[in-house]
Amino acid sequence: MKKVLIISPTTREFRELPRIADALNCQIVFEDFAGAFFDDLLSNNRDGDSRNLEILPLIEETIRLYSQSGINGVTSGVGYPGMPVSSIIADCFRLPSPRIDRVLLCEHKYYSRIAQQALVPDATPGFELVDPENMNGLADRLSFPLFLKPVKSCFSINAGEIRNSEMFRRKVGSGLLPKNFLKPLNDLLHAYTDFPLDASYLLAESILEGTQASLEGYVFEGKVHIIGIVDSVMYPGPISFQRFEYPSRLDETVQKRMGQIAETFIKGIGYDNALFNIEFMYNPGTGEIHIIEINPKIASQFTDLFEKVDGLSSYSPLLQIALGQEPEFPRRQGAFKVAASCVLRTFENQRVLSVPSQEQVNALIRKFPDARIEISATAGKLLSDVMQDGNSFRYCLINIGADSHQQLNAKFELCKSLLDFQFIAP
């Protein structure tokens, strides 16, 4: 039986991949590369932690560990550090994977924008590099409002709208993620690319307006395939997701244009033998489509949405491509017509008094066997003690399917009522 090494697995991979692997007649080997190092840093979002991760020696150690284990494929369900690390290990073992420098190009949002500007200029918003150490009057030259984000971000941390030059100067100083979070990425950039700039920069971008959607796809031996497009439903005001709905309700012509943009870019940069995710903004007033972000990874939050509607989890092509097998992704053969990943969140930091018991979760699953429940809150802790987007506080995800959007809404409300969360002001 063939074996696939999974780098930096999350609870989703532990939950879903053994079942998917059984259907593909392969075996999963989980490698908890770097443990909780990265999540711990972002959960606290501070730079005072003195721990450092030497990623290059750790990769060499991991290669030695599995060099005689008969691994037939290497991949990851996460972007950083999972996909860069898995691509390096796969290349060392001469297994299918995207080129490491192509993965890192997508991870470094400035160089990704440069590539977008060359390949799909009409889909590229205006952008300008910001060096926090050398502003040179930049604040006086920029047009406001604008969107500011780190060139390496995660979970929308430190990303948001900037209304004026004073706010810009204030935010730039604290806009980067922790240095010891960026150091492993900078080490990879130095070792595997010729990029002159590391990840210690920000991007100032033009504000995008309209409807946000997320395109999921894969490339196998140079051929791009679109799995599907998921609508991103936002809360009004802050950049916080309310739910993700599949299939998209955007016009088919708009979805086709998004697919063409994705194919042009992915082929243009030579990204191959992997999954990818592209976040788009469609402005119905102007008809413009812009790229928000390109991610060299699977969107693991959506894997079971595709399974509910299309009949196959997007984890399946992840494993197949790692093994050098061409996937065949079905369309609309699932048990439901629509599916959604619904986010339970609050906009005030609170202390968690209690979370739903396992009995409550089990009862919900018995009632709705298709449901996936992910509780991120922990009794006795603050909501801010786990990784958040900086604008709100997520404490649970509920993924469900239904035969209509009306039924989906009713099912979500019922699921929510069956889960008892208790909070108190900190």
Protein backbone atom coordinates (compact mmCIF):
# COMPACT_ATOMS: atom_id res chain seq x y z
CA MET A 1 0.00 0.00 0.00
CA LYS A 2 1.33 3.44 -0.96
CA LYS A 3 2.10 5.95 1.78
CA VAL A 4 1.59 9.72 1.79
CA LEU A 5 3.48 11.89 4.27
CA ILE A 6 1.38 14.79 5.57
CA ILE A 7 3.40 17.73 6.89
CA SER A 8 2.01 19.87 9.74
CA PRO A 9 -1.43 18.22 9.97
CA THR A 10 -4.31 20.03 11.65
CA THR A 11 -7.30 18.51 13.40
CA ARG A 12 -9.10 18.53 10.04
CA GLU A 13 -6.45 16.33 8.46
CA PHE A 14 -6.44 13.96 11.43
CA ARG A 15 -10.24 13.75 11.20
CA GLU A 16 -10.74 13.47 7.45
CA LEU A 17 -7.65 12.05 5.74
CA PRO A 18 -7.69 8.45 7.05
CA ARG A 19 -11.19 8.00 5.60
CA ILE A 20 -10.19 9.60 2.29
CA ALA A 21 -7.01 7.51 2.14
CA ASP A 22 -8.95 4.28 2.70
CA ALA A 23 -11.11 5.08 -0.34
CA LEU A 24 -7.93 5.62 -2.38
CA ASN A 25 -6.24 2.50 -0.99
CA CYS A 26 -3.33 4.40 0.48
CA GLN A 27 -1.92 5.05 3.94
CA ILE A 28 -1.40 8.35 5.75
CA VAL A 29 1.72 9.16 7.75
CA PHE A 30 1.37 12.30 9.85
CA GLU A 31 4.46 14.43 10.57
CA ASP A 32 3.84 17.11 13.20
CA PHE A 33 6.56 19.34 11.78
CA ALA A 34 7.45 22.17 14.22
CA GLY A 35 4.50 21.27 16.45
CA ALA A 36 2.46 24.23 17.62
CA PHE A 37 5.31 26.72 17.21
CA PHE A 38 3.62 28.92 14.61
CA ASP A 39 0.11 28.77 16.09
CA ASP A 40 1.42 29.62 19.55
CA LEU A 41 3.15 32.74 18.26
CA LEU A 42 0.06 34.03 16.48
CA SER A 43 -2.30 33.08 19.28
CA ASN A 44 -0.48 35.51 21.52
CA ASN A 45 0.49 37.78 18.59
CA ARG A 46 3.50 39.11 20.40
CA ASP A 47 7.15 39.48 19.49
CA GLY A 48 8.53 39.02 22.97
CA ASP A 49 8.75 35.23 22.79
CA SER A 50 12.42 34.41 22.51
CA ARG A 51 11.96 31.02 20.82
CA ASN A 52 13.32 30.62 17.31
CA LEU A 53 12.81 27.82 14.83
CA GLU A 54 15.75 26.83 12.65
CA ILE A 55 13.72 25.50 9.76
CA LEU A 56 16.47 24.40 7.37
CA PRO A 57 18.11 21.96 9.83
CA LEU A 58 14.64 20.73 10.83
CA ILE A 59 13.83 19.97 7.18
CA GLU A 60 17.11 18.06 6.83
CA GLU A 61 16.28 16.10 9.98
CA THR A 62 12.82 15.27 8.64
CA ILE A 63 14.30 14.10 5.33
CA ARG A 64 16.68 11.77 7.20
CA LEU A 65 13.81 10.47 9.34
CA TYR A 66 11.74 9.36 6.35
CA SER A 67 14.47 8.57 3.82
CA GLN A 68 14.08 4.80 4.30
CA SER A 69 10.37 4.69 5.11
CA GLY A 70 9.03 3.99 1.63
CA ILE A 71 7.12 7.26 1.31
CA ASN A 72 5.35 7.56 -2.08
CA GLY A 73 4.00 11.10 -1.75
CA VAL A 74 4.48 14.22 0.38
CA THR A 75 1.99 17.05 0.79
CA SER A 76 0.30 19.31 3.33
CA GLY A 77 -3.10 20.75 4.15
CA VAL A 78 -1.64 24.09 5.30
CA GLY A 79 0.28 26.85 3.56
CA TYR A 80 3.05 27.91 5.92
CA PRO A 81 5.11 26.01 6.82
CA GLY A 82 3.39 22.94 5.37
CA MET A 83 3.51 23.49 1.62
CA PRO A 84 7.05 24.92 1.37
CA VAL A 85 8.40 22.14 3.57
CA SER A 86 6.49 19.37 1.77
CA SER A 87 7.67 20.63 -1.63
CA ILE A 88 11.31 20.55 -0.48
CA ILE A 89 11.00 17.03 0.95
CA ALA A 90 9.08 15.75 -2.09
CA ASP A 91 11.72 17.14 -4.42
CA CYS A 92 14.44 15.46 -2.39
CA PHE A 93 12.58 12.14 -2.69
CA ARG A 94 11.85 12.85 -6.40
CA LEU A 95 8.11 12.78 -5.85
CA PRO A 96 5.42 14.98 -7.46
CA SER A 97 5.23 18.49 -5.99
CA PRO A 98 5.24 22.14 -6.99
CA ARG A 99 8.60 23.88 -7.24
CA ILE A 100 9.59 25.41 -3.92
CA ASP A 101 10.36 28.80 -5.47
CA ARG A 102 6.84 28.89 -7.00
CA VAL A 103 5.28 28.11 -3.62
CA LEU A 104 7.34 30.86 -2.00
CA LEU A 105 6.42 33.32 -4.76
CA CYS A 106 2.77 32.87 -3.80
CA GLU A 107 3.55 33.07 -0.08
CA HIS A 108 5.38 36.40 -0.53
CA LYS A 109 2.46 38.66 -1.43
CA TYR A 110 4.63 41.40 -2.95
CA TYR A 111 6.30 39.10 -5.47
CA SER A 112 2.94 37.48 -6.10
CA ARG A 113 1.53 40.92 -6.98
CA ILE A 114 4.44 41.57 -9.35
CA ALA A 115 3.72 38.27 -11.13
CA GLN A 116 0.00 39.09 -11.24
CA GLN A 117 0.75 42.49 -12.73
CA ALA A 118 2.74 40.84 -15.51
CA LEU A 119 0.33 37.97 -16.23
CA VAL A 120 -3.17 39.25 -15.36
CA PRO A 121 -2.82 43.05 -15.09
CA ASP A 122 -6.56 43.79 -15.29
CA ALA A 123 -7.15 41.57 -12.26
CA THR A 124 -4.36 43.14 -10.19
CA PRO A 125 -5.23 45.99 -7.81
CA GLY A 126 -2.89 48.92 -7.35
CA PHE A 127 -0.16 48.16 -4.81
CA GLU A 128 2.98 49.64 -3.31
CA LEU A 129 5.65 48.13 -1.12
CA VAL A 130 6.00 49.59 2.38
CA ASP A 131 9.26 49.31 4.30
CA PRO A 132 8.49 49.88 8.00
CA GLU A 133 12.13 50.84 8.57
CA ASN A 134 12.33 53.42 5.79
CA MET A 135 9.13 55.37 5.09
CA ASN A 136 10.76 58.30 3.21
CA GLY A 137 7.60 60.40 3.23
CA LEU A 138 5.52 57.55 1.77
CA ALA A 139 2.51 58.46 3.92
CA ASP A 140 2.31 61.85 2.23
CA ARG A 141 2.40 60.36 -1.28
CA LEU A 142 -0.26 57.66 -0.86
CA SER A 143 -3.96 58.05 -1.64
CA PHE A 144 -6.36 57.19 1.15
CA PRO A 145 -8.30 55.13 2.03
CA LEU A 146 -6.15 52.10 1.25
CA PHE A 147 -5.73 48.53 2.41
CA LEU A 148 -2.61 47.66 4.42
CA LYS A 149 -1.37 44.13 5.00
CA PRO A 150 1.89 42.27 5.69
CA VAL A 151 3.52 40.63 2.67
CA LYS A 152 3.27 37.47 4.75
CA SER A 153 0.02 37.39 6.62
CA CYS A 154 -2.09 34.70 8.24
CA PHE A 155 -5.76 34.69 9.14
CA SER A 156 -6.07 38.40 8.14
CA ILE A 157 -3.95 39.36 11.16
CA ASN A 158 -2.77 43.01 10.94
CA ALA A 159 -4.66 43.52 7.67
CA GLY A 160 -7.24 46.25 7.30
CA GLU A 161 -8.41 49.53 5.85
CA ILE A 162 -6.36 52.67 6.54
CA ARG A 163 -8.30 55.93 6.31
CA ASN A 164 -5.60 58.62 6.51
CA SER A 165 -1.88 59.28 6.77
CA GLU A 166 -1.91 59.54 10.56
CA MET A 167 -3.54 56.13 10.88
CA PHE A 168 -1.09 54.77 8.31
CA ARG A 169 1.96 55.92 10.28
CA ARG A 170 0.50 54.44 13.45
CA LYS A 171 -0.32 51.06 11.93
CA VAL A 172 2.90 50.56 9.98
CA GLY A 173 4.98 50.23 13.12
CA SER A 174 2.96 47.25 14.37
CA GLY A 175 1.92 45.83 11.00
CA LEU A 176 4.32 42.89 10.72
CA LEU A 177 3.75 39.48 12.25
CA PRO A 178 6.21 38.47 15.00
CA LYS A 179 9.86 38.30 13.88
CA ASN A 180 10.25 34.72 15.03
CA PHE A 181 7.16 33.80 12.96
CA LEU A 182 8.76 35.35 9.87
CA LYS A 183 12.33 34.10 10.42
CA PRO A 184 11.73 30.54 9.09
CA LEU A 185 10.06 31.97 5.98
CA ASN A 186 12.92 34.43 5.48
CA ASP A 187 15.39 31.55 5.79
CA LEU A 188 13.47 29.63 3.10
CA LEU A 189 13.34 32.68 0.84
CA HIS A 190 17.10 33.18 1.17
CA ALA A 191 17.88 29.50 0.56
CA TYR A 192 15.49 28.72 -2.31
CA THR A 193 14.82 31.96 -4.22
CA ASP A 194 16.75 34.89 -5.64
CA PHE A 195 14.25 37.42 -4.25
CA PRO A 196 16.18 40.41 -2.89
CA LEU A 197 13.45 41.21 -0.33
CA ASP A 198 12.42 39.00 2.56
CA ALA A 199 9.00 39.00 4.25
CA SER A 200 9.67 41.96 6.59
CA TYR A 201 7.56 44.38 4.55
CA LEU A 202 3.97 45.53 4.13
CA LEU A 203 1.77 46.17 1.11
CA ALA A 204 -0.42 49.22 0.59
CA GLU A 205 -3.17 48.32 -1.86
CA SER A 206 -6.18 49.97 -3.43
CA ILE A 207 -9.52 49.28 -1.73
CA LEU A 208 -11.60 46.60 -3.43
CA GLU A 209 -15.39 46.62 -3.30
CA GLY A 210 -18.01 44.08 -4.26
CA THR A 211 -18.69 40.39 -3.72
CA GLN A 212 -15.92 38.17 -2.44
CA ALA A 213 -15.48 34.60 -3.63
CA SER A 214 -12.89 31.88 -3.24
CA LEU A 215 -11.82 29.67 -6.14
CA GLU A 216 -10.41 26.22 -5.42
CA GLY A 217 -8.44 24.35 -8.04
CA TYR A 218 -5.56 22.01 -8.76
CA VAL A 219 -2.83 21.53 -11.34
CA PHE A 220 -1.72 18.14 -12.57
CA GLU A 221 1.15 17.87 -15.03
CA GLY A 222 0.58 21.41 -16.26
CA LYS A 223 -3.20 21.20 -16.68
CA VAL A 224 -5.32 23.46 -14.47
CA HIS A 225 -8.65 22.19 -13.13
CA ILE A 226 -11.23 24.29 -11.27
CA ILE A 227 -12.89 22.37 -8.43
CA GLY A 228 -15.40 25.08 -7.58
CA ILE A 229 -16.07 28.63 -6.42
CA VAL A 230 -17.28 29.39 -2.90
CA ASP A 231 -19.07 32.62 -1.96
CA SER A 232 -17.59 34.48 1.02
CA VAL A 233 -20.35 36.15 3.03
CA MET A 234 -18.96 38.92 5.24
CA TYR A 235 -20.21 40.71 8.31
CA PRO A 236 -20.88 44.38 7.48
CA GLY A 237 -17.96 46.65 8.37
CA PRO A 238 -14.93 44.66 9.56
CA ILE A 239 -13.09 42.03 7.54
CA SER A 240 -14.69 39.03 9.22
CA PHE A 241 -16.34 36.10 7.50
CA GLN A 242 -19.90 35.16 8.44
CA ARG A 243 -20.12 32.03 6.30
CA PHE A 244 -18.85 30.39 3.11
CA GLU A 245 -21.48 29.02 0.72
CA TYR A 246 -21.07 26.51 -2.10
CA PRO A 247 -21.88 26.52 -4.97
CA SER A 248 -21.34 30.19 -5.74
CA ARG A 249 -24.39 32.21 -6.75
CA LEU A 250 -22.31 34.46 -9.01
CA ASP A 251 -23.27 34.56 -12.67
CA GLU A 252 -21.71 31.75 -14.69
CA THR A 253 -19.90 34.22 -16.93
CA VAL A 254 -18.27 35.81 -13.89
CA GLN A 255 -17.22 32.41 -12.57
CA LYS A 256 -15.78 31.51 -15.98
CA ARG A 257 -13.75 34.72 -16.03
CA MET A 258 -12.38 33.90 -12.57
CA GLY A 259 -11.38 30.46 -13.84
CA GLN A 260 -9.59 31.99 -16.83
CA ILE A 261 -7.67 34.40 -14.60
CA ALA A 262 -6.69 31.53 -12.32
CA GLU A 263 -5.51 29.37 -15.21
CA THR A 264 -3.50 32.18 -16.80
CA PHE A 265 -1.70 32.99 -13.56
CA ILE A 266 -1.08 29.45 -12.34
CA LYS A 267 0.27 28.32 -15.70
CA GLY A 268 2.19 31.56 -16.12
CA ILE A 269 4.24 31.13 -12.95
CA GLY A 270 4.85 27.42 -13.52
CA TYR A 271 3.00 26.24 -10.41
CA ASP A 272 2.29 22.53 -10.90
CA ASN A 273 1.21 19.30 -9.21
CA ALA A 274 -0.63 20.83 -6.28
CA LEU A 275 -3.84 22.47 -5.17
CA PHE A 276 -4.33 26.23 -4.98
CA ASN A 277 -6.84 28.74 -3.69
CA ILE A 278 -7.49 32.22 -5.10
CA GLU A 279 -9.61 34.83 -3.33
CA PHE A 280 -11.40 37.18 -5.74
CA MET A 281 -13.45 40.37 -5.50
CA TYR A 282 -16.15 40.93 -8.12
CA ASN A 283 -17.58 44.43 -8.43
CA PRO A 284 -21.08 44.11 -9.98
CA GLY A 285 -21.20 47.85 -10.62
CA THR A 286 -18.10 47.96 -12.81
CA GLY A 287 -17.87 44.30 -13.83
CA GLU A 288 -14.26 44.22 -12.63
CA ILE A 289 -12.70 41.12 -11.08
CA HIS A 290 -9.63 41.56 -8.89
CA ILE A 291 -7.39 39.09 -7.11
CA ILE A 292 -7.35 39.55 -3.36
CA GLU A 293 -4.81 36.82 -2.63
CA ILE A 294 -3.34 33.67 -4.11
CA ASN A 295 -2.62 30.78 -1.76
CA PRO A 296 -0.45 27.78 -2.74
CA LYS A 297 -2.55 25.37 -0.71
CA ILE A 298 -5.90 23.70 -0.25
CA ALA A 299 -8.65 25.61 1.56
CA SER A 300 -9.23 22.88 4.14
CA GLN A 301 -12.31 24.61 5.57
CA PHE A 302 -14.11 23.88 2.28
CA THR A 303 -13.14 20.23 1.75
CA ASP A 304 -16.40 18.74 2.99
CA LEU A 305 -18.51 21.44 1.28
CA PHE A 306 -17.41 19.97 -2.05
CA GLU A 307 -18.11 16.49 -0.75
CA LYS A 308 -21.63 17.47 0.30
CA VAL A 309 -22.50 19.00 -3.09
CA ASP A 310 -20.22 17.28 -5.62
CA GLY A 311 -19.75 13.92 -3.93
CA LEU A 312 -15.99 14.06 -3.33
CA SER A 313 -13.82 15.85 -0.77
CA SER A 314 -11.10 18.11 -2.16
CA TYR A 315 -8.72 16.19 0.10
CA SER A 316 -8.98 13.40 -2.48
CA PRO A 317 -7.10 15.24 -5.28
CA LEU A 318 -4.61 16.44 -2.64
CA LEU A 319 -3.60 12.83 -1.98
CA GLN A 320 -3.90 11.67 -5.58
CA ILE A 321 -1.64 14.39 -6.94
CA ALA A 322 0.94 13.68 -4.23
CA LEU A 323 0.97 10.08 -5.49
CA GLY A 324 1.28 11.15 -9.13
CA GLN A 325 -2.28 10.09 -9.98
CA GLU A 326 -4.55 12.26 -12.12
CA PRO A 327 -7.72 13.14 -10.18
CA GLU A 328 -11.23 12.97 -11.59
CA PHE A 329 -13.46 15.40 -9.75
CA PRO A 330 -17.24 14.87 -10.06
CA ARG A 331 -19.89 17.57 -10.34
CA ARG A 332 -23.15 17.76 -8.38
CA GLN A 333 -23.20 14.13 -7.32
CA GLY A 334 -23.35 14.79 -3.58
CA ALA A 335 -26.21 14.38 -1.13
CA PHE A 336 -27.04 18.11 -1.01
CA LYS A 337 -27.65 20.99 -3.41
CA VAL A 338 -25.95 23.60 -1.20
CA ALA A 339 -23.47 23.60 1.66
CA ALA A 340 -21.96 26.17 3.98
CA SER A 341 -19.25 26.65 6.55
CA CYS A 342 -20.87 28.89 9.17
CA VAL A 343 -18.78 30.88 11.61
CA LEU A 344 -19.79 31.55 15.19
CA ARG A 345 -18.01 34.69 16.38
CA THR A 346 -18.34 37.71 18.59
CA PHE A 347 -16.89 41.18 18.21
CA GLU A 348 -15.93 41.52 21.88
CA ASN A 349 -13.21 39.58 23.62
CA GLN A 350 -14.76 37.44 26.33
CA ARG A 351 -13.79 34.78 28.82
CA VAL A 352 -15.19 31.32 28.08
CA LEU A 353 -17.20 29.93 30.98
CA SER A 354 -18.18 26.71 29.22
CA VAL A 355 -18.29 25.06 25.81
CA PRO A 356 -20.67 22.38 24.52
CA SER A 357 -20.15 18.97 26.04
CA GLN A 358 -19.17 16.00 23.91
CA GLU A 359 -22.67 14.67 24.53
CA GLN A 360 -24.15 17.81 22.97
CA VAL A 361 -21.87 17.52 19.94
CA ASN A 362 -22.66 13.81 19.56
CA ALA A 363 -26.39 14.53 19.77
CA LEU A 364 -26.08 17.13 17.03
CA ILE A 365 -24.13 14.72 14.81
CA ARG A 366 -26.76 12.03 15.36
CA LYS A 367 -29.41 14.49 14.20
CA PHE A 368 -27.33 15.79 11.27
CA PRO A 369 -24.69 13.17 10.32
CA ASP A 370 -23.26 15.45 7.62
CA ALA A 371 -22.36 18.21 10.10
CA ARG A 372 -18.76 19.04 10.98
CA ILE A 373 -18.32 20.86 14.30
CA GLU A 374 -15.04 22.58 15.19
CA ILE A 375 -14.91 24.26 18.59
CA SER A 376 -11.91 26.57 19.02
CA ALA A 377 -12.87 28.11 22.38
CA THR A 378 -11.58 26.61 25.64
CA ALA A 379 -13.36 26.89 28.99
CA GLY A 380 -11.52 29.20 31.36
CA LYS A 381 -9.59 31.01 28.63
CA LEU A 382 -10.14 34.24 26.75
CA LEU A 383 -11.32 34.06 23.16
CA SER A 384 -8.15 35.98 22.26
CA ASP A 385 -6.01 33.12 23.60
CA VAL A 386 -6.46 31.31 20.30
CA MET A 387 -5.51 32.63 16.86
CA GLN A 388 -7.98 35.31 15.69
CA ASP A 389 -8.25 37.65 12.70
CA GLY A 390 -7.66 40.82 14.72
CA ASN A 391 -11.17 42.15 14.05
CA SER A 392 -13.36 39.64 15.88
CA PHE A 393 -13.28 36.44 17.91
CA ARG A 394 -14.23 33.15 16.28
CA TYR A 395 -15.17 30.32 18.61
CA CYS A 396 -16.84 27.64 16.46
CA LEU A 397 -17.39 26.44 12.89
CA ILE A 398 -20.44 24.50 11.74
CA ASN A 399 -20.30 22.92 8.27
CA ILE A 400 -23.65 21.65 6.96
CA GLY A 401 -25.48 20.76 3.76
CA ALA A 402 -29.09 21.31 2.64
CA ASP A 403 -31.35 21.28 -0.40
CA SER A 404 -31.95 25.04 -0.44
CA HIS A 405 -30.56 28.20 1.12
CA GLN A 406 -33.72 28.58 3.17
CA GLN A 407 -33.31 25.08 4.54
CA LEU A 408 -29.61 25.76 5.11
CA ASN A 409 -30.37 28.83 7.24
CA ALA A 410 -32.94 26.95 9.32
CA LYS A 411 -30.56 24.02 9.82
CA PHE A 412 -27.78 26.33 10.95
CA GLU A 413 -30.02 28.06 13.50
CA LEU A 414 -31.07 24.68 14.89
CA CYS A 415 -27.47 23.47 15.08
CA LYS A 416 -26.46 26.66 16.85
CA SER A 417 -29.25 26.24 19.40
CA LEU A 418 -28.02 22.73 20.22
CA LEU A 419 -24.56 23.96 21.20
CA ASP A 420 -24.36 25.68 24.57
CA PHE A 421 -21.58 28.28 24.85
CA GLN A 422 -21.32 30.51 27.92
CA PHE A 423 -19.20 33.68 28.04
CA ILE A 424 -18.50 36.49 30.50
CA ALA A 425 -16.79 39.84 30.15
CA PRO A 426 -13.02 39.53 30.84
